[in-house]
Amino acid sequence: MVDDKLRTPGAVRDAERWTAHNYHPLPVVISSAEGAWLTDVDGRRYLDCLAGYSALNFGHRHPQLIAAAHAQLDRLTLTSRAFIHDQFADFCRELAELCGKDLVLPMNTGAEAVETGIKVARKWGYQVKGVPAGQANIVVAEGNFHGRTTTIVSFSTDEDARADFGPYTPGFTVVPYGDLAALTAAIDENTVAVLLEPIQGEQGVVVPPEGYLPGIRQLCTERDVLFIADEIQSGLGRTGATFACDHEGVVPDMYLLGKALGGGIVPVSAVAANADVLGVLKPGQHGSTFGGNPLACAVAIEVVRLLATGEFQRRSAELGERLRAGLEGLLGKGLVGVRVRGLWAGLDIDPALMSGREACERLAARGVLAKDTHGSTIRLAPPLVITEEEIDLAVAKLAEVLAG
């Protein structure tokens, strides 16, 4: 427990008093941040190994991104899509080029990107594939996390996210993640899309078997089905490549992007696809008041330009190997499973030692912030600006926690 004279306990109590309890945060109250480091209201510093679930891939307050936001704040922040502003075309063009696609549809949150992808896939199915009205279905994976809207939780297998929010939206078939045979069997003549995460982040950074993503790509091509990759957490440099799909040379029909696209400053999401897919939408059929607003576009343009250099993808790949080596050295010393792809790691702690929540609380007490997922599993996703020394520090603090 911290000293009651400090500000943290009171701030925690106030948050619990006035906030709906849809989250169970660690009792840390942050007041400032820079790079990979956070400072709380009492002046204690923490190494950020969560990075806002990948929303902070470029660290806190990256100078290039902050400068873009400041400059845009002095000029124009919102017009709605009723008009065109001077940042819009550059954002859409540069993101489309990064993705290798024809078109971009900007939204705000990751869940909005997923909802957009679902709507587009259904409309494509009816107008292009010729699926009978009201019969479109989408194949998804067990253990998925695509957001928490009513449609999305309808095909979640996480009871915390799903229970008591029915009636549920039909039109989804759930198959085991990583099982290509099950996915193949689930596709029928009314299937319009396969929607999945190339790496399941919320499930504990679960990497599918080699050949799974290429198999899906081939299957979708053969069966005239859209392959939709939810790269909201895994994309934009997190895994050591621009997209997690890149590791197996796979190009989906549609990318769903978010989190890091806003540079940790504003919520920005987007759907990227070719004109034969996104072109099914016509004016009035989908939209957002804030989607593609000038401030969001100004920041996101700089995010895309940072990624276009390749620097952050290389950092993630190289530093990820250092993280992997350190974590694998803890196998048999409290860890029973380690999964790493770039600067993204899922760690299974021996459940006889402690829960994931308890491990994160003990890490926080030692100045490292991480997040548990389920049971005794935690994940690490530090900003891509982290240094070798800071990675070693995080691994050392985890070793202390596991040693008791």
Protein backbone atom coordinates (compact mmCIF):
# COMPACT_ATOMS: atom_id res chain seq x y z
CA MET A 1 0.00 0.00 0.00
CA VAL A 2 1.13 3.54 -0.68
CA ASP A 3 1.33 6.29 1.92
CA ASP A 4 -2.12 7.89 2.42
CA LYS A 5 -0.44 11.31 2.29
CA LEU A 6 0.19 10.72 -1.37
CA ARG A 7 -2.32 11.71 -4.04
CA THR A 8 -2.75 8.30 -5.66
CA PRO A 9 -5.18 6.68 -3.14
CA GLY A 10 -7.60 9.60 -3.27
CA ALA A 11 -7.50 9.76 -7.06
CA VAL A 12 -8.17 6.03 -7.26
CA ARG A 13 -11.13 6.33 -4.89
CA ASP A 14 -12.57 9.23 -6.92
CA ALA A 15 -12.26 7.25 -10.14
CA GLU A 16 -14.04 4.29 -8.58
CA ARG A 17 -16.74 6.55 -7.12
CA TRP A 18 -17.65 8.40 -10.31
CA THR A 19 -16.93 5.90 -13.08
CA ALA A 20 -18.94 2.93 -14.33
CA HIS A 21 -16.87 -0.15 -13.54
CA ASN A 22 -16.40 -1.42 -17.08
CA TYR A 23 -12.63 -1.63 -16.45
CA HIS A 24 -10.58 -2.86 -13.51
CA PRO A 25 -7.46 -0.69 -13.80
CA LEU A 26 -4.31 -1.05 -11.78
CA PRO A 27 -4.22 1.52 -8.93
CA VAL A 28 -1.81 3.81 -10.79
CA VAL A 29 -2.80 7.41 -11.60
CA ILE A 30 -0.77 8.79 -14.51
CA SER A 31 -0.20 12.51 -14.92
CA SER A 32 2.48 12.78 -17.63
CA ALA A 33 4.47 10.69 -20.08
CA GLU A 34 7.37 10.81 -22.51
CA GLY A 35 8.64 8.12 -24.84
CA ALA A 36 8.34 4.77 -23.08
CA TRP A 37 7.93 6.24 -19.59
CA LEU A 38 4.94 7.30 -17.51
CA THR A 39 4.91 9.43 -14.35
CA ASP A 40 2.14 9.25 -11.75
CA VAL A 41 0.63 12.02 -9.64
CA ASP A 42 3.18 11.33 -6.91
CA GLY A 43 6.20 11.56 -9.21
CA ARG A 44 6.90 7.83 -9.52
CA ARG A 45 8.04 6.65 -12.96
CA TYR A 46 6.92 3.49 -14.76
CA LEU A 47 8.14 1.76 -17.89
CA ASP A 48 5.12 1.40 -20.17
CA CYS A 49 4.93 -2.18 -21.46
CA LEU A 50 1.34 -1.93 -22.65
CA ALA A 51 1.47 1.11 -24.98
CA GLY A 52 -2.27 1.62 -24.91
CA TYR A 53 -2.91 -1.83 -26.43
CA SER A 54 -0.67 -0.75 -29.37
CA ALA A 55 -2.25 2.72 -29.69
CA LEU A 56 1.10 4.14 -28.56
CA ASN A 57 3.41 2.28 -30.93
CA PHE A 58 5.47 5.46 -31.39
CA GLY A 59 5.67 6.20 -27.68
CA HIS A 60 4.11 8.96 -25.66
CA ARG A 61 4.17 12.41 -27.19
CA HIS A 62 6.32 11.61 -30.21
CA PRO A 63 7.68 15.04 -31.28
CA GLN A 64 6.70 14.70 -34.95
CA LEU A 65 3.16 13.70 -34.06
CA ILE A 66 2.73 16.34 -31.37
CA ALA A 67 3.97 19.02 -33.79
CA ALA A 68 1.42 17.92 -36.40
CA ALA A 69 -1.38 18.05 -33.84
CA HIS A 70 -0.37 21.50 -32.58
CA ALA A 71 -0.16 22.91 -36.09
CA GLN A 72 -3.57 21.54 -37.03
CA LEU A 73 -5.21 22.74 -33.80
CA ASP A 74 -4.33 26.29 -34.78
CA ARG A 75 -6.00 25.92 -38.19
CA LEU A 76 -8.99 23.56 -38.35
CA THR A 77 -10.27 20.63 -36.29
CA LEU A 78 -13.63 19.51 -37.70
CA THR A 79 -15.74 20.02 -40.81
CA SER A 80 -17.73 16.75 -40.98
CA ARG A 81 -17.67 14.79 -44.23
CA ALA A 82 -20.21 17.24 -45.67
CA PHE A 83 -17.14 19.12 -46.92
CA ILE A 84 -13.61 18.25 -47.98
CA HIS A 85 -10.70 19.58 -45.93
CA ASP A 86 -7.10 20.01 -46.98
CA GLN A 87 -5.69 17.04 -44.98
CA PHE A 88 -8.17 14.44 -46.18
CA ALA A 89 -6.86 13.45 -49.60
CA ASP A 90 -3.24 13.22 -48.44
CA PHE A 91 -4.20 10.93 -45.55
CA CYS A 92 -6.31 8.61 -47.69
CA ARG A 93 -3.75 8.47 -50.50
CA GLU A 94 -0.73 7.84 -48.28
CA LEU A 95 -2.49 5.19 -46.20
CA ALA A 96 -3.82 3.48 -49.33
CA GLU A 97 -0.27 3.39 -50.72
CA LEU A 98 1.09 1.96 -47.45
CA CYS A 99 -1.54 -0.78 -47.62
CA GLY A 100 -1.23 -1.37 -51.35
CA LYS A 101 -4.96 -0.73 -51.82
CA ASP A 102 -7.07 1.58 -53.97
CA LEU A 103 -9.31 3.18 -51.35
CA VAL A 104 -9.52 4.11 -47.67
CA LEU A 105 -12.60 4.72 -45.55
CA PRO A 106 -11.69 6.63 -42.37
CA MET A 107 -13.53 6.12 -39.09
CA ASN A 108 -12.63 6.72 -35.43
CA THR A 109 -12.43 3.59 -33.29
CA GLY A 110 -11.34 0.04 -33.96
CA ALA A 111 -14.84 -1.28 -33.36
CA GLU A 112 -16.15 1.16 -35.98
CA ALA A 113 -13.62 -0.19 -38.46
CA VAL A 114 -14.82 -3.73 -37.77
CA GLU A 115 -18.48 -2.73 -38.10
CA THR A 116 -17.60 -1.00 -41.38
CA GLY A 117 -15.85 -4.12 -42.63
CA ILE A 118 -18.90 -6.25 -41.78
CA LYS A 119 -21.27 -3.89 -43.58
CA VAL A 120 -19.06 -3.65 -46.65
CA ALA A 121 -18.61 -7.44 -46.82
CA ARG A 122 -22.36 -8.03 -46.64
CA LYS A 123 -23.13 -5.42 -49.29
CA TRP A 124 -20.38 -6.83 -51.51
CA GLY A 125 -21.88 -10.27 -51.03
CA TYR A 126 -25.31 -9.17 -52.15
CA GLN A 127 -24.28 -6.86 -54.98
CA VAL A 128 -21.19 -8.60 -56.37
CA LYS A 129 -21.24 -12.25 -55.30
CA GLY A 130 -25.00 -12.59 -55.65
CA VAL A 131 -25.87 -13.95 -52.20
CA PRO A 132 -29.65 -13.97 -51.62
CA ALA A 133 -30.93 -11.01 -49.58
CA GLY A 134 -30.53 -11.47 -45.83
CA GLN A 135 -28.50 -14.70 -46.14
CA ALA A 136 -24.90 -13.45 -45.94
CA ASN A 137 -22.69 -15.11 -43.34
CA ILE A 138 -19.19 -14.36 -42.10
CA VAL A 139 -16.78 -16.92 -40.64
CA VAL A 140 -14.91 -15.82 -37.50
CA ALA A 141 -12.55 -17.47 -35.01
CA GLU A 142 -12.89 -18.62 -31.41
CA GLY A 143 -10.97 -16.44 -28.97
CA ASN A 144 -11.50 -13.40 -31.16
CA PHE A 145 -11.49 -9.83 -29.97
CA HIS A 146 -12.84 -7.30 -32.46
CA GLY A 147 -14.54 -4.84 -30.11
CA ARG A 148 -17.59 -4.65 -27.87
CA THR A 149 -20.50 -3.32 -29.93
CA THR A 150 -23.68 -5.41 -29.87
CA THR A 151 -22.95 -6.92 -33.28
CA ILE A 152 -19.36 -7.74 -32.45
CA VAL A 153 -20.06 -9.35 -29.07
CA SER A 154 -22.64 -11.50 -30.83
CA PHE A 155 -19.80 -13.60 -32.22
CA SER A 156 -17.44 -13.30 -29.25
CA THR A 157 -16.57 -16.42 -27.27
CA ASP A 158 -15.58 -14.36 -24.22
CA GLU A 159 -18.53 -14.58 -21.83
CA ASP A 160 -17.46 -11.43 -19.98
CA ALA A 161 -17.86 -9.50 -23.23
CA ARG A 162 -20.96 -11.35 -24.44
CA ALA A 163 -23.18 -12.44 -21.54
CA ASP A 164 -26.45 -10.54 -20.96
CA PHE A 165 -26.11 -8.35 -24.06
CA GLY A 166 -28.49 -10.33 -26.27
CA PRO A 167 -30.48 -10.77 -28.39
CA TYR A 168 -27.50 -11.40 -30.60
CA THR A 169 -26.92 -10.48 -34.22
CA PRO A 170 -27.10 -13.49 -36.57
CA GLY A 171 -24.94 -14.12 -39.60
CA PHE A 172 -21.70 -15.40 -38.06
CA THR A 173 -20.13 -18.86 -37.87
CA VAL A 174 -17.44 -19.44 -35.24
CA VAL A 175 -14.62 -21.96 -35.84
CA PRO A 176 -11.47 -22.82 -33.86
CA TYR A 177 -8.59 -20.40 -34.46
CA GLY A 178 -5.72 -21.93 -36.42
CA ASP A 179 -7.83 -24.83 -37.77
CA LEU A 180 -7.89 -24.48 -41.54
CA ALA A 181 -9.95 -27.63 -42.04
CA ALA A 182 -12.71 -26.35 -39.76
CA LEU A 183 -12.70 -23.01 -41.53
CA THR A 184 -12.91 -24.70 -44.93
CA ALA A 185 -15.89 -26.78 -43.78
CA ALA A 186 -17.69 -23.69 -42.46
CA ILE A 187 -17.68 -21.82 -45.78
CA ASP A 188 -20.80 -22.24 -47.88
CA GLU A 189 -22.33 -20.54 -50.91
CA ASN A 190 -23.62 -17.65 -48.74
CA THR A 191 -20.29 -16.92 -47.03
CA VAL A 192 -19.15 -13.41 -47.87
CA ALA A 193 -16.04 -13.07 -45.68
CA VAL A 194 -13.58 -14.62 -43.28
CA LEU A 195 -12.84 -12.12 -40.52
CA LEU A 196 -10.00 -12.75 -38.10
CA GLU A 197 -6.92 -11.38 -36.38
CA PRO A 198 -3.65 -12.61 -37.93
CA ILE A 199 -2.43 -12.76 -34.32
CA GLN A 200 -4.93 -12.86 -31.47
CA GLY A 201 -3.84 -10.16 -29.06
CA GLU A 202 -6.50 -10.19 -26.34
CA GLN A 203 -6.30 -13.97 -26.23
CA GLY A 204 -2.65 -13.70 -25.21
CA VAL A 205 -0.69 -12.96 -28.40
CA VAL A 206 -1.63 -16.26 -30.01
CA VAL A 207 0.28 -16.80 -33.27
CA PRO A 208 -1.44 -19.20 -35.70
CA PRO A 209 0.34 -22.23 -37.16
CA GLU A 210 2.62 -21.63 -40.12
CA GLY A 211 0.66 -21.86 -43.33
CA TYR A 212 -2.67 -20.93 -41.76
CA LEU A 213 -2.89 -17.40 -43.19
CA PRO A 214 -1.69 -18.43 -46.69
CA GLY A 215 -4.24 -21.25 -46.56
CA ILE A 216 -7.01 -18.79 -45.78
CA ARG A 217 -5.87 -16.52 -48.59
CA GLN A 218 -5.96 -19.38 -51.11
CA LEU A 219 -9.30 -20.65 -49.82
CA CYS A 220 -10.94 -17.22 -49.99
CA THR A 221 -9.70 -16.70 -53.54
CA GLU A 222 -10.97 -20.10 -54.65
CA ARG A 223 -14.38 -19.73 -52.98
CA ASP A 224 -15.00 -16.07 -53.88
CA VAL A 225 -14.92 -14.93 -50.24
CA LEU A 226 -13.34 -11.77 -48.83
CA PHE A 227 -10.42 -12.18 -46.44
CA ILE A 228 -10.69 -9.43 -43.81
CA ALA A 229 -7.63 -8.99 -41.57
CA ASP A 230 -8.22 -7.19 -38.29
CA GLU A 231 -4.80 -5.55 -37.89
CA ILE A 232 -6.03 -3.00 -35.36
CA GLN A 233 -3.61 -4.22 -32.67
CA SER A 234 -1.15 -6.25 -34.75
CA GLY A 235 -0.63 -3.77 -37.56
CA LEU A 236 1.47 -0.65 -38.12
CA GLY A 237 4.84 -1.96 -36.96
CA ARG A 238 3.93 -3.88 -33.80
CA THR A 239 5.10 -7.29 -34.99
CA GLY A 240 8.27 -6.31 -36.82
CA ALA A 241 6.51 -5.73 -40.13
CA THR A 242 4.01 -3.15 -41.33
CA PHE A 243 1.26 -5.77 -40.98
CA ALA A 244 1.27 -9.12 -39.22
CA CYS A 245 0.05 -10.70 -42.47
CA ASP A 246 3.36 -9.66 -44.05
CA HIS A 247 5.22 -12.37 -42.12
CA GLU A 248 3.68 -14.99 -44.39
CA GLY A 249 3.46 -12.88 -47.52
CA VAL A 250 -0.32 -12.68 -47.32
CA VAL A 251 -2.37 -9.75 -48.63
CA PRO A 252 -5.99 -9.72 -47.42
CA ASP A 253 -8.84 -8.18 -49.37
CA MET A 254 -9.48 -5.72 -46.57
CA TYR A 255 -7.35 -4.30 -43.76
CA LEU A 256 -9.02 -3.06 -40.59
CA LEU A 257 -6.75 -0.52 -38.90
CA GLY A 258 -6.87 1.64 -35.79
CA LYS A 259 -5.08 2.23 -32.50
CA ALA A 260 -1.53 3.26 -33.59
CA LEU A 261 -2.99 5.11 -36.58
CA GLY A 262 -3.91 7.95 -34.20
CA GLY A 263 -0.39 8.22 -32.80
CA GLY A 264 -1.66 8.06 -29.22
CA ILE A 265 -3.23 11.51 -29.69
CA VAL A 266 -6.64 11.09 -31.31
CA PRO A 267 -8.79 8.06 -32.16
CA VAL A 268 -8.34 7.16 -35.82
CA SER A 269 -9.37 4.00 -37.61
CA ALA A 270 -9.72 3.03 -41.24
CA VAL A 271 -10.71 0.33 -43.66
CA ALA A 272 -8.45 -0.15 -46.67
CA ALA A 273 -9.48 -2.22 -49.69
CA ASN A 274 -9.63 -2.10 -53.47
CA ALA A 275 -12.33 -0.30 -55.42
CA ASP A 276 -14.15 -3.52 -56.32
CA VAL A 277 -14.83 -3.99 -52.59
CA LEU A 278 -15.10 -0.55 -50.97
CA GLY A 279 -16.69 0.79 -54.13
CA VAL A 280 -20.00 -0.89 -53.23
CA LEU A 281 -20.73 1.93 -50.76
CA LYS A 282 -22.66 4.92 -52.03
CA PRO A 283 -23.39 8.30 -50.38
CA GLY A 284 -25.64 8.02 -47.35
CA GLN A 285 -25.02 4.31 -46.77
CA HIS A 286 -22.29 4.63 -44.16
CA GLY A 287 -20.54 7.47 -42.37
CA SER A 288 -19.31 9.21 -39.24
CA THR A 289 -19.40 12.84 -38.10
CA PHE A 290 -15.83 12.69 -36.83
CA GLY A 291 -14.40 10.07 -39.19
CA GLY A 292 -11.56 11.55 -41.22
CA ASN A 293 -11.65 14.89 -39.39
CA PRO A 294 -8.81 17.37 -40.05
CA LEU A 295 -7.03 16.85 -36.71
CA ALA A 296 -7.16 13.08 -37.03
CA CYS A 297 -5.92 13.18 -40.61
CA ALA A 298 -3.05 15.56 -39.79
CA VAL A 299 -1.78 13.22 -37.08
CA ALA A 300 -2.38 10.04 -39.06
CA ILE A 301 -0.50 11.41 -42.08
CA GLU A 302 2.59 11.71 -39.88
CA VAL A 303 2.02 8.19 -38.53
CA VAL A 304 1.97 6.83 -42.08
CA ARG A 305 5.12 8.78 -42.92
CA LEU A 306 6.92 7.37 -39.87
CA LEU A 307 6.01 3.88 -41.02
CA ALA A 308 7.00 4.59 -44.61
CA THR A 309 10.64 4.90 -43.51
CA GLY A 310 10.66 1.30 -42.23
CA GLU A 311 12.53 2.39 -39.08
CA PHE A 312 9.90 1.28 -36.62
CA GLN A 313 9.31 -2.05 -38.27
CA ARG A 314 13.06 -2.74 -38.07
CA ARG A 315 13.22 -1.66 -34.43
CA SER A 316 10.33 -3.93 -33.56
CA ALA A 317 11.91 -6.91 -35.31
CA GLU A 318 15.38 -6.40 -33.87
CA LEU A 319 14.37 -5.47 -30.32
CA GLY A 320 11.75 -8.20 -30.39
CA GLU A 321 14.50 -10.79 -30.67
CA ARG A 322 16.14 -9.35 -27.57
CA LEU A 323 12.80 -9.49 -25.75
CA ARG A 324 12.27 -13.07 -26.90
CA ALA A 325 15.68 -14.18 -25.64
CA GLY A 326 15.10 -12.61 -22.26
CA LEU A 327 11.65 -14.07 -21.82
CA GLU A 328 12.57 -17.54 -23.01
CA GLY A 329 15.31 -17.48 -20.38
CA LEU A 330 12.50 -17.43 -17.79
CA LEU A 331 10.84 -20.60 -19.05
CA GLY A 332 10.88 -23.10 -16.20
CA LYS A 333 11.51 -20.22 -13.78
CA GLY A 334 7.90 -19.20 -13.39
CA LEU A 335 6.93 -18.98 -17.04
CA VAL A 336 5.36 -22.01 -18.70
CA GLY A 337 4.72 -20.44 -22.11
CA VAL A 338 6.14 -17.60 -24.20
CA ARG A 339 4.89 -16.31 -27.56
CA VAL A 340 6.68 -13.38 -29.21
CA ARG A 341 6.23 -11.65 -32.55
CA GLY A 342 8.17 -8.40 -32.79
CA LEU A 343 7.59 -6.27 -29.70
CA TRP A 344 4.48 -8.19 -28.73
CA ALA A 345 4.61 -11.03 -26.23
CA GLY A 346 2.15 -13.32 -24.51
CA LEU A 347 3.42 -14.91 -21.29
CA ASP A 348 1.84 -17.80 -19.45
CA ILE A 349 2.76 -17.77 -15.78
CA ASP A 350 2.64 -20.99 -13.77
CA PRO A 351 -0.87 -20.69 -12.28
CA ALA A 352 0.42 -22.23 -9.06
CA LEU A 353 2.52 -19.09 -8.55
CA MET A 354 0.00 -16.29 -9.18
CA SER A 355 -2.67 -14.94 -11.46
CA GLY A 356 -1.93 -12.59 -14.32
CA ARG A 357 -3.54 -9.75 -12.39
CA GLU A 358 -1.32 -10.38 -9.39
CA ALA A 359 1.77 -10.47 -11.61
CA CYS A 360 0.84 -7.09 -13.11
CA GLU A 361 0.28 -5.61 -9.67
CA ARG A 362 3.71 -6.82 -8.56
CA LEU A 363 5.29 -5.48 -11.74
CA ALA A 364 3.66 -2.09 -11.15
CA ALA A 365 5.14 -2.01 -7.66
CA ARG A 366 8.54 -2.43 -9.35
CA GLY A 367 7.93 0.31 -11.91
CA VAL A 368 6.74 -1.68 -14.95
CA LEU A 369 3.19 -1.51 -16.31
CA ALA A 370 1.70 -4.49 -18.16
CA LYS A 371 -1.75 -6.04 -18.60
CA ASP A 372 -3.17 -9.44 -17.81
CA THR A 373 -5.47 -11.12 -20.32
CA HIS A 374 -7.05 -14.31 -19.00
CA GLY A 375 -6.14 -16.40 -15.98
CA SER A 376 -2.38 -16.40 -15.49
CA THR A 377 -1.51 -14.94 -18.89
CA ILE A 378 -0.10 -11.44 -19.34
CA ARG A 379 1.05 -9.59 -22.43
CA LEU A 380 3.80 -7.12 -23.11
CA ALA A 381 3.53 -4.52 -25.88
CA PRO A 382 6.04 -1.75 -25.19
CA PRO A 383 6.29 1.30 -27.44
CA LEU A 384 8.53 0.74 -30.44
CA VAL A 385 10.80 3.52 -29.16
CA ILE A 386 11.88 1.36 -26.20
CA THR A 387 15.63 0.77 -25.89
CA GLU A 388 17.65 -2.40 -25.36
CA GLU A 389 18.39 -1.34 -21.79
CA GLU A 390 14.72 -0.77 -21.08
CA ILE A 391 13.81 -4.20 -22.46
CA ASP A 392 16.42 -5.75 -20.19
CA LEU A 393 14.97 -3.79 -17.26
CA ALA A 394 11.45 -5.09 -17.94
CA VAL A 395 12.68 -8.69 -18.17
CA ALA A 396 14.70 -8.29 -14.96
CA LYS A 397 11.68 -6.93 -13.07
CA LEU A 398 9.56 -9.80 -14.35
CA ALA A 399 12.21 -12.25 -13.15
CA GLU A 400 12.01 -10.64 -9.69
CA VAL A 401 8.25 -11.04 -9.65
CA LEU A 402 8.43 -14.70 -10.67
CA ALA A 403 11.10 -15.40 -8.07
CA GLY A 404 8.76 -14.09 -5.38
